[in-house]
Amino acid sequence: MKISKGKLFQEIDNSPLIIFRMLFGFLLFVESWGAILTGWVKTNLISPKVFFSFIGFEWLHPLPGYGMYFYFICMGVLGLLVMIGYRYRLSLLCFTILWTAQYLMQKTAYNNHYYFLTLICFLMLFLPANAYYSIDVKRNKNIKSLTMPQWCSFVLILQVSILYIYASIAKLYPDWLDGTFTRLLYSHKTDFPFIGKFFTEKWFYISIAYLGILFDGLIVPMMLWKKTRTLALIASLIFHLSNSFILKVGIFPYFALSFIVFFYPPDTIRRIFFKKRPALSLKTYNYTNKNQTYILLVIIYFIIQLLLPIRHYFIKGDVFWTEEGHRLSWRMMLRQRNGSTYFTIIDKKTKEILTFNMHDLFTEKQIHRIDCYPDFIWQAAQYIKQDFKQKNKEIEIYANTKISVNAHPFKQFIDPKIDLASVSWDYFKHSNWILLYDDYRK
């Protein structure tokens, strides 16, 4: 795909963007109301006494009582409004704000597709996705258009390309290449009808490992090349639908499939979905200083997107062990962590060892995260510190944490001599209280 200035601002049929808006809005609705129906909202945003937000966003709190049910109902309605194109930008802006807020206020149920959804919401705010087949057009015929500049497709293709390419690169590590992780991943799915009996066979989990690398690394180039596009479409359907049915990963497989419309010629999408629309002859926008500003903003945005996933290379230690730089990096379904964390709480004045029942403050799901993940361990220490402060006690907190990554031997994870109540969290460098090893696998 050529990305010269002239090509970027060439007008093309906007059918792909219009159908994508409809699919996108419907998936926003499904994700929002599905979170209520599956109990996700209750488990993560209503039942807990405390919430593990992204560090720095502790000021964001769920609504009290059953308020988060109404919160997600509103998001579902906003998704439907995006789908039908009613006050499109306002509806999507409101959804984006609400979705991003709930994403940041709890990470116990962190998932890469929640982050991906946030990014696509942001990009879609700037695209004329309501210019056809929308309520907005019926309300204001002046916004009706059958075309869009080609950059509208390009930015979405580039965003999904970043996801796939970094996901492929992240798989190039020993436990993936020797099938260790895929064996663990599928070993709990052997009751799946017909093919489940093969999931523990070496030929199966090794094949899945290497097909995963090839799919993530090649799917975008294959979709862009006309000669391999049909093969890529079939591969995408098999890959994403099998992930949906076997691994049960929510809306992401269908969300990923919806981007296929941008890889086919716009006229092809028009003939499939909008048969009554006339074919269009291409023409080019005049390149202006305003266009140059758009390009600059897009370049800045994508530089950030390219840098975030590699930040862990500049942080001391192996990201698979330390988890530092893991999030926002498209490191999807790569490892299994198990562990245990026991806090020793000491009264600063009396040096007395104090008792504390984790279940009095944290849910079972939160405790599982505290057992394995450094930011959860640190935040749990801060919550415990606050809890004792309300009892007029100043305390020291020491963690005895041992973890195993991908069923390798358990090792000490947190320095048991460090008072976690007195250390700070740093997003951009290694926290010295996380112990390092030459090889965590041994």
Protein backbone atom coordinates (compact mmCIF):
# COMPACT_ATOMS: atom_id res chain seq x y z
CA MET A 1 0.00 0.00 0.00
CA LYS A 2 1.49 3.32 -1.07
CA ILE A 3 1.24 6.06 1.55
CA SER A 4 2.37 9.14 -0.36
CA LYS A 5 0.67 12.43 0.51
CA GLY A 6 -1.42 12.30 -2.63
CA LYS A 7 -2.49 8.74 -1.93
CA LEU A 8 -3.36 9.49 1.69
CA PHE A 9 -5.74 12.29 0.75
CA GLN A 10 -7.25 10.63 -2.28
CA GLU A 11 -11.01 10.28 -1.99
CA ILE A 12 -12.25 6.69 -1.98
CA ASP A 13 -15.62 5.04 -1.47
CA ASN A 14 -16.46 5.20 2.25
CA SER A 15 -18.42 1.92 2.35
CA PRO A 16 -15.77 0.13 4.48
CA LEU A 17 -15.89 2.83 7.15
CA ILE A 18 -19.69 2.91 7.21
CA ILE A 19 -20.11 -0.84 7.64
CA PHE A 20 -17.29 -0.87 10.19
CA ARG A 21 -19.11 1.81 12.22
CA MET A 22 -22.18 -0.39 12.35
CA LEU A 23 -20.23 -3.49 13.39
CA PHE A 24 -18.18 -1.45 15.85
CA GLY A 25 -21.24 0.08 17.52
CA PHE A 26 -22.91 -3.31 17.82
CA LEU A 27 -19.79 -4.79 19.45
CA LEU A 28 -19.68 -1.87 21.92
CA PHE A 29 -23.26 -2.73 22.85
CA VAL A 30 -22.48 -6.46 23.21
CA GLU A 31 -19.36 -5.80 25.29
CA SER A 32 -21.17 -3.40 27.64
CA TRP A 33 -24.33 -5.39 28.27
CA GLY A 34 -22.48 -8.68 28.15
CA ALA A 35 -20.34 -7.46 31.05
CA ILE A 36 -23.52 -7.16 33.11
CA LEU A 37 -25.08 -10.45 32.03
CA THR A 38 -21.93 -12.52 32.62
CA GLY A 39 -21.41 -11.08 36.11
CA TRP A 40 -18.22 -9.25 35.09
CA VAL A 41 -19.50 -5.90 36.40
CA LYS A 42 -20.52 -7.38 39.74
CA THR A 43 -17.26 -9.30 40.20
CA ASN A 44 -14.93 -6.46 39.29
CA LEU A 45 -16.75 -3.20 39.98
CA ILE A 46 -19.42 -3.83 42.62
CA SER A 47 -18.42 -6.66 44.98
CA PRO A 48 -14.83 -5.57 45.85
CA LYS A 49 -14.22 -3.34 48.88
CA VAL A 50 -11.15 -1.79 47.25
CA PHE A 51 -10.13 -1.47 43.62
CA PHE A 52 -6.80 -1.91 41.91
CA SER A 53 -6.69 0.97 39.47
CA PHE A 54 -3.89 1.69 37.08
CA ILE A 55 -1.29 3.35 39.30
CA GLY A 56 -1.77 7.11 39.08
CA PHE A 57 -5.53 6.83 38.58
CA GLU A 58 -6.48 6.04 42.17
CA TRP A 59 -8.85 9.02 42.08
CA LEU A 60 -11.16 7.07 39.74
CA HIS A 61 -13.75 5.08 41.68
CA PRO A 62 -16.75 2.97 40.61
CA LEU A 63 -20.18 4.40 41.31
CA PRO A 64 -21.59 3.27 44.66
CA GLY A 65 -24.23 0.58 45.10
CA TYR A 66 -25.57 -0.71 41.81
CA GLY A 67 -24.47 2.44 39.98
CA MET A 68 -22.07 0.55 37.72
CA TYR A 69 -24.97 -1.46 36.29
CA PHE A 70 -26.54 1.80 35.07
CA TYR A 71 -23.07 2.92 33.94
CA PHE A 72 -22.71 -0.11 31.65
CA ILE A 73 -26.35 0.09 30.51
CA CYS A 74 -25.63 3.64 29.37
CA MET A 75 -22.52 2.47 27.52
CA GLY A 76 -24.58 -0.20 25.77
CA VAL A 77 -27.12 2.40 24.65
CA LEU A 78 -24.31 4.65 23.43
CA GLY A 79 -22.94 1.70 21.43
CA LEU A 80 -26.30 1.32 19.69
CA LEU A 81 -26.35 5.07 18.94
CA VAL A 82 -22.91 4.74 17.35
CA MET A 83 -24.17 1.79 15.31
CA ILE A 84 -27.14 3.71 13.87
CA GLY A 85 -25.14 6.92 13.58
CA TYR A 86 -27.24 9.12 15.87
CA ARG A 87 -25.24 12.11 17.10
CA TYR A 88 -22.32 9.90 16.24
CA ARG A 89 -19.38 11.89 17.60
CA LEU A 90 -21.12 12.91 20.81
CA SER A 91 -22.30 9.33 21.42
CA LEU A 92 -18.84 7.90 20.72
CA LEU A 93 -17.12 10.59 22.80
CA CYS A 94 -19.34 9.79 25.78
CA PHE A 95 -18.73 6.06 25.32
CA THR A 96 -14.96 6.61 25.02
CA ILE A 97 -14.85 8.61 28.25
CA LEU A 98 -16.95 6.07 30.16
CA TRP A 99 -15.08 3.07 28.76
CA THR A 100 -11.63 4.57 29.40
CA ALA A 101 -12.61 5.53 32.96
CA GLN A 102 -13.80 2.03 33.88
CA TYR A 103 -10.74 0.55 32.18
CA LEU A 104 -8.40 2.68 34.28
CA MET A 105 -10.27 2.26 37.57
CA GLN A 106 -9.72 -1.49 37.75
CA LYS A 107 -7.11 -3.81 36.27
CA THR A 108 -7.94 -7.02 38.13
CA ALA A 109 -9.59 -8.19 34.89
CA TYR A 110 -7.02 -6.59 32.58
CA ASN A 111 -7.35 -7.64 28.97
CA ASN A 112 -5.53 -6.36 25.89
CA HIS A 113 -8.73 -6.03 23.92
CA TYR A 114 -10.04 -3.47 26.46
CA TYR A 115 -7.03 -1.30 25.63
CA PHE A 116 -7.43 -1.92 21.90
CA LEU A 117 -11.08 -0.90 22.14
CA THR A 118 -10.03 2.37 23.78
CA LEU A 119 -7.60 3.16 20.97
CA ILE A 120 -10.10 2.42 18.21
CA CYS A 121 -12.74 4.55 19.96
CA PHE A 122 -10.23 7.40 19.99
CA LEU A 123 -9.36 7.03 16.30
CA MET A 124 -12.99 6.67 15.24
CA LEU A 125 -13.80 10.03 16.84
CA PHE A 126 -11.87 11.70 14.03
CA LEU A 127 -13.32 9.68 11.16
CA PRO A 128 -16.45 10.65 9.16
CA ALA A 129 -18.15 7.33 9.89
CA ASN A 130 -21.62 8.89 10.04
CA ALA A 131 -21.49 10.38 6.53
CA TYR A 132 -23.76 7.72 5.06
CA TYR A 133 -26.49 5.33 6.20
CA SER A 134 -26.95 7.11 9.52
CA ILE A 135 -29.60 9.00 11.46
CA ASP A 136 -27.26 11.99 11.39
CA VAL A 137 -27.54 12.14 7.59
CA LYS A 138 -31.35 12.12 7.81
CA ARG A 139 -31.16 14.97 10.32
CA ASN A 140 -28.62 16.94 8.28
CA LYS A 141 -28.25 16.05 4.60
CA ASN A 142 -25.28 18.44 4.30
CA ILE A 143 -22.98 15.89 5.96
CA LYS A 144 -23.90 13.14 3.52
CA SER A 145 -20.95 11.83 1.53
CA LEU A 146 -20.11 8.74 -0.45
CA THR A 147 -16.37 9.25 -0.08
CA MET A 148 -13.64 9.62 2.49
CA PRO A 149 -9.90 10.35 2.29
CA GLN A 150 -7.87 7.17 2.10
CA TRP A 151 -6.06 7.98 5.36
CA CYS A 152 -9.25 6.95 7.18
CA SER A 153 -8.60 3.35 6.16
CA PHE A 154 -4.85 3.68 6.56
CA VAL A 155 -4.85 4.69 10.24
CA LEU A 156 -7.06 1.74 11.21
CA ILE A 157 -4.97 -0.71 9.16
CA LEU A 158 -1.80 0.66 10.76
CA GLN A 159 -3.26 0.34 14.27
CA VAL A 160 -4.29 -3.26 13.79
CA SER A 161 -0.93 -3.98 12.11
CA ILE A 162 0.93 -2.76 15.20
CA LEU A 163 -1.13 -5.12 17.34
CA TYR A 164 -0.41 -8.18 15.18
CA ILE A 165 3.28 -7.48 14.56
CA TYR A 166 4.13 -6.88 18.20
CA ALA A 167 2.06 -9.92 19.20
CA SER A 168 4.15 -12.02 16.80
CA ILE A 169 7.47 -10.64 18.08
CA ALA A 170 6.44 -11.23 21.71
CA LYS A 171 5.98 -14.95 20.96
CA LEU A 172 9.66 -15.35 20.05
CA TYR A 173 10.76 -16.57 23.47
CA PRO A 174 11.74 -20.05 24.72
CA ASP A 175 8.51 -21.08 26.44
CA TRP A 176 6.51 -20.33 23.32
CA LEU A 177 8.98 -21.79 20.85
CA ASP A 178 9.20 -25.13 22.67
CA GLY A 179 5.44 -25.33 23.16
CA THR A 180 5.51 -24.98 26.95
CA PHE A 181 2.91 -22.24 27.13
CA THR A 182 0.55 -23.54 24.44
CA ARG A 183 0.61 -26.94 26.18
CA LEU A 184 -0.43 -25.25 29.44
CA LEU A 185 -3.02 -23.13 27.66
CA TYR A 186 -4.81 -26.01 25.97
CA SER A 187 -4.34 -28.62 28.70
CA HIS A 188 -7.43 -27.29 30.49
CA LYS A 189 -9.56 -27.46 27.33
CA THR A 190 -9.45 -31.21 26.66
CA ASP A 191 -13.20 -31.54 27.15
CA PHE A 192 -13.80 -29.54 23.97
CA PRO A 193 -15.92 -31.65 21.57
CA PHE A 194 -14.21 -33.86 18.98
CA ILE A 195 -10.75 -32.24 18.93
CA GLY A 196 -10.14 -31.71 22.64
CA LYS A 197 -8.47 -35.11 22.97
CA PHE A 198 -5.62 -33.87 20.77
CA PHE A 199 -4.83 -30.75 22.84
CA THR A 200 -2.20 -32.47 24.98
CA GLU A 201 -0.48 -34.08 22.01
CA LYS A 202 2.93 -32.56 21.30
CA TRP A 203 2.31 -32.25 17.57
CA PHE A 204 -0.81 -30.19 18.35
CA TYR A 205 0.53 -27.66 20.83
CA ILE A 206 3.81 -27.21 18.92
CA SER A 207 1.81 -26.59 15.72
CA ILE A 208 -0.41 -24.07 17.49
CA ALA A 209 2.68 -22.24 18.77
CA TYR A 210 4.28 -21.78 15.35
CA LEU A 211 1.03 -21.16 13.51
CA GLY A 212 0.35 -18.40 16.06
CA ILE A 213 3.67 -16.71 15.24
CA LEU A 214 3.07 -17.04 11.50
CA PHE A 215 -0.51 -15.82 11.69
CA ASP A 216 0.29 -12.69 13.71
CA GLY A 217 3.35 -11.89 11.64
CA LEU A 218 1.92 -12.50 8.17
CA ILE A 219 -1.81 -11.84 8.33
CA VAL A 220 -1.62 -8.11 7.53
CA PRO A 221 0.79 -8.48 4.56
CA MET A 222 -1.33 -11.34 3.23
CA MET A 223 -4.51 -9.29 3.55
CA LEU A 224 -2.88 -6.39 1.73
CA TRP A 225 -1.72 -8.54 -1.20
CA LYS A 226 -4.54 -9.42 -3.55
CA LYS A 227 -3.14 -12.86 -4.43
CA THR A 228 -3.13 -14.07 -0.80
CA ARG A 229 -6.17 -12.14 0.48
CA THR A 230 -8.65 -14.99 0.19
CA LEU A 231 -6.27 -17.38 1.95
CA ALA A 232 -5.75 -14.75 4.67
CA LEU A 233 -9.51 -14.36 5.07
CA ILE A 234 -9.96 -18.11 5.56
CA ALA A 235 -7.03 -18.19 8.01
CA SER A 236 -8.52 -15.27 9.95
CA LEU A 237 -11.89 -16.95 10.24
CA ILE A 238 -10.36 -20.21 11.45
CA PHE A 239 -7.96 -18.50 13.86
CA HIS A 240 -10.37 -16.05 15.46
CA LEU A 241 -13.42 -18.31 15.60
CA SER A 242 -11.41 -21.15 17.15
CA ASN A 243 -10.08 -18.71 19.76
CA SER A 244 -13.63 -17.58 20.45
CA PHE A 245 -15.09 -21.06 20.90
CA ILE A 246 -12.12 -22.81 22.53
CA LEU A 247 -10.39 -20.09 24.55
CA LYS A 248 -13.47 -17.90 25.10
CA VAL A 249 -11.79 -14.50 24.76
CA GLY A 250 -14.87 -12.28 24.57
CA ILE A 251 -15.58 -10.00 21.62
CA PHE A 252 -11.98 -9.65 20.48
CA PRO A 253 -12.09 -12.33 17.72
CA TYR A 254 -15.13 -10.64 16.15
CA PHE A 255 -13.66 -7.19 16.67
CA ALA A 256 -10.48 -8.29 14.89
CA LEU A 257 -12.48 -9.82 12.03
CA SER A 258 -14.41 -6.56 11.52
CA PHE A 259 -11.22 -4.85 10.27
CA ILE A 260 -11.20 -7.10 7.21
CA VAL A 261 -13.47 -4.62 5.41
CA PHE A 262 -10.54 -2.17 5.13
CA PHE A 263 -8.33 -4.64 3.28
CA TYR A 264 -10.69 -5.21 0.36
CA PRO A 265 -11.20 -2.63 -2.40
CA PRO A 266 -13.90 -0.17 -1.25
CA ASP A 267 -15.92 -0.92 -4.37
CA THR A 268 -16.05 -4.60 -3.37
CA ILE A 269 -17.42 -3.69 0.06
CA ARG A 270 -19.95 -1.37 -1.62
CA ARG A 271 -21.21 -4.15 -3.89
CA ILE A 272 -21.62 -6.54 -0.94
CA PHE A 273 -23.27 -4.22 1.60
CA PHE A 274 -24.65 -1.24 -0.34
CA LYS A 275 -25.74 -2.59 -3.72
CA LYS A 276 -27.84 0.45 -4.63
CA ARG A 277 -24.97 2.90 -4.24
CA PRO A 278 -23.36 4.05 -7.50
CA ALA A 279 -19.72 3.33 -8.31
CA LEU A 280 -17.43 6.31 -7.81
CA SER A 281 -14.57 7.70 -9.81
CA LEU A 282 -11.54 8.55 -7.67
CA LYS A 283 -10.31 12.08 -7.23
CA THR A 284 -7.66 13.72 -5.06
CA TYR A 285 -7.95 16.35 -2.37
CA ASN A 286 -5.89 19.48 -2.66
CA TYR A 287 -3.01 19.14 -0.17
CA THR A 288 -3.17 22.03 2.35
CA ASN A 289 -1.46 23.17 5.55
CA LYS A 290 -4.47 21.77 7.42
CA ASN A 291 -3.70 18.37 5.94
CA GLN A 292 -0.10 18.76 7.06
CA THR A 293 -1.31 19.29 10.63
CA TYR A 294 -3.34 16.09 10.45
CA ILE A 295 -0.30 14.17 9.25
CA LEU A 296 1.83 15.56 12.09
CA LEU A 297 -0.74 14.53 14.71
CA VAL A 298 -1.05 11.05 13.19
CA ILE A 299 2.75 10.66 13.17
CA ILE A 300 2.98 11.65 16.85
CA TYR A 301 0.19 9.23 17.79
CA PHE A 302 1.78 6.30 15.99
CA ILE A 303 5.26 7.05 17.31
CA ILE A 304 3.77 6.61 20.79
CA GLN A 305 2.08 3.39 19.66
CA LEU A 306 5.38 2.06 18.32
CA LEU A 307 7.37 3.00 21.42
CA LEU A 308 5.04 1.79 24.18
CA PRO A 309 5.36 -1.92 23.32
CA ILE A 310 9.18 -1.83 23.39
CA ARG A 311 9.64 0.07 26.65
CA HIS A 312 10.30 -3.16 28.54
CA TYR A 313 13.57 -3.55 26.61
CA PHE A 314 14.81 -0.44 28.44
CA ILE A 315 13.78 -1.71 31.87
CA LYS A 316 16.17 -4.01 33.73
CA GLY A 317 15.10 -7.65 33.93
CA ASP A 318 13.04 -10.08 31.86
CA VAL A 319 9.50 -8.79 31.36
CA PHE A 320 8.14 -12.33 31.60
CA TRP A 321 9.45 -12.44 35.17
CA THR A 322 9.15 -8.83 36.37
CA GLU A 323 5.97 -7.86 34.44
CA GLU A 324 7.43 -4.34 34.19
CA GLY A 325 6.41 -2.93 30.79
CA HIS A 326 4.01 -5.78 30.10
CA ARG A 327 0.75 -3.87 29.81
CA LEU A 328 -0.11 -1.77 26.72
CA SER A 329 2.42 -3.84 24.77
CA TRP A 330 0.28 -6.38 22.89
CA ARG A 331 1.79 -9.20 24.93
CA MET A 332 -1.34 -11.31 24.63
CA MET A 333 -1.81 -14.76 26.17
CA LEU A 334 1.91 -15.43 26.54
CA ARG A 335 2.45 -16.75 30.04
CA GLN A 336 0.87 -18.40 33.05
CA ARG A 337 1.78 -17.11 36.50
CA ASN A 338 1.19 -18.88 39.80
CA GLY A 339 2.38 -17.85 43.19
CA SER A 340 1.75 -17.02 46.82
CA THR A 341 2.22 -13.84 48.80
CA TYR A 342 2.33 -13.61 52.58
CA PHE A 343 2.62 -10.21 54.21
CA THR A 344 4.44 -9.67 57.47
CA ILE A 345 3.06 -6.56 59.14
CA ILE A 346 5.07 -4.94 61.92
CA ASP A 347 4.00 -2.11 64.24
CA LYS A 348 6.65 0.60 63.86
CA LYS A 349 6.46 1.64 67.50
CA THR A 350 6.17 -1.67 69.34
CA LYS A 351 7.80 -3.91 66.69
CA GLU A 352 4.90 -6.27 67.31
CA ILE A 353 3.86 -8.54 64.43
CA LEU A 354 0.25 -7.71 63.59
CA THR A 355 -2.34 -10.03 62.14
CA PHE A 356 -4.31 -9.25 59.01
CA ASN A 357 -6.86 -11.35 57.13
CA MET A 358 -6.51 -10.73 53.39
CA HIS A 359 -10.12 -11.79 52.77
CA ASP A 360 -11.34 -8.95 54.98
CA LEU A 361 -10.20 -6.42 52.37
CA PHE A 362 -9.63 -8.22 49.07
CA THR A 363 -11.69 -10.56 46.89
CA GLU A 364 -10.46 -14.01 45.88
CA LYS A 365 -9.72 -12.77 42.36
CA GLN A 366 -7.72 -9.83 43.71
CA ILE A 367 -5.77 -12.12 46.04
CA HIS A 368 -4.80 -14.28 43.06
CA ARG A 369 -3.34 -11.17 41.40
CA ILE A 370 -1.60 -10.16 44.64
CA ASP A 371 -0.02 -13.61 44.71
CA CYS A 372 1.65 -13.11 41.32
CA TYR A 373 1.95 -9.52 40.08
CA PRO A 374 4.29 -6.81 41.43
CA ASP A 375 2.01 -3.80 41.02
CA PHE A 376 -0.81 -5.65 42.79
CA ILE A 377 1.57 -6.60 45.62
CA TRP A 378 2.69 -2.99 45.99
CA GLN A 379 -0.86 -1.61 45.84
CA ALA A 380 -2.09 -4.22 48.32
CA ALA A 381 0.63 -3.04 50.71
CA GLN A 382 -0.60 0.53 50.35
CA TYR A 383 -4.20 -0.54 51.07
CA ILE A 384 -3.08 -2.48 54.15
CA LYS A 385 -1.07 0.54 55.27
CA GLN A 386 -4.17 2.75 54.94
CA ASP A 387 -6.28 0.19 56.80
CA PHE A 388 -3.95 0.20 59.81
CA LYS A 389 -3.57 3.96 59.66
CA GLN A 390 -7.30 4.24 60.33
CA LYS A 391 -6.58 2.25 63.49
CA ASN A 392 -3.86 4.78 64.42
CA LYS A 393 -1.06 2.34 63.70
CA GLU A 394 2.04 3.08 61.64
CA ILE A 395 3.32 -0.12 60.09
CA GLU A 396 6.03 -1.76 58.04
CA ILE A 397 5.01 -4.35 55.44
CA TYR A 398 7.24 -7.12 54.11
CA ALA A 399 6.21 -9.56 51.41
CA ASN A 400 7.27 -13.17 51.14
CA THR A 401 6.34 -13.92 47.54
CA LYS A 402 7.27 -16.94 45.50
CA ILE A 403 6.08 -17.33 41.92
CA SER A 404 6.31 -19.71 39.02
CA VAL A 405 6.08 -18.64 35.38
CA ASN A 406 4.80 -21.27 32.96
CA ALA A 407 5.06 -24.05 35.58
CA HIS A 408 8.81 -23.57 36.06
CA PRO A 409 10.27 -23.85 39.59
CA PHE A 410 9.00 -21.38 42.18
CA LYS A 411 11.43 -18.60 43.05
CA GLN A 412 11.50 -15.72 45.50
CA PHE A 413 9.96 -12.74 43.70
CA ILE A 414 9.95 -9.86 46.18
CA ASP A 415 12.90 -8.90 48.39
CA PRO A 416 11.58 -9.87 51.86
CA LYS A 417 13.84 -7.25 53.50
CA ILE A 418 12.19 -4.29 51.77
CA ASP A 419 9.40 -2.40 53.54
CA LEU A 420 6.78 -2.07 50.78
CA ALA A 421 4.88 0.53 52.80
CA SER A 422 7.76 2.95 52.31
CA VAL A 423 8.77 2.40 48.66
CA SER A 424 7.30 4.11 45.61
CA TRP A 425 6.22 2.71 42.25
CA ASP A 426 8.01 3.68 39.06
CA TYR A 427 6.49 3.08 35.64
CA PHE A 428 9.69 3.73 33.73
CA LYS A 429 12.44 1.81 35.51
CA HIS A 430 13.01 -1.40 37.41
CA SER A 431 11.86 -1.53 41.03
CA ASN A 432 14.81 -2.91 42.99
CA TRP A 433 12.55 -4.77 45.41
CA ILE A 434 11.64 -7.15 42.55
CA LEU A 435 14.35 -9.81 42.59
CA LEU A 436 16.07 -10.74 39.33
CA TYR A 437 17.54 -14.02 38.09
CA ASP A 438 19.80 -14.92 35.20
CA ASP A 439 17.16 -17.46 34.14
CA TYR A 440 13.82 -17.72 35.95
CA ARG A 441 13.16 -21.03 34.15
CA LYS A 442 15.80 -22.98 36.11
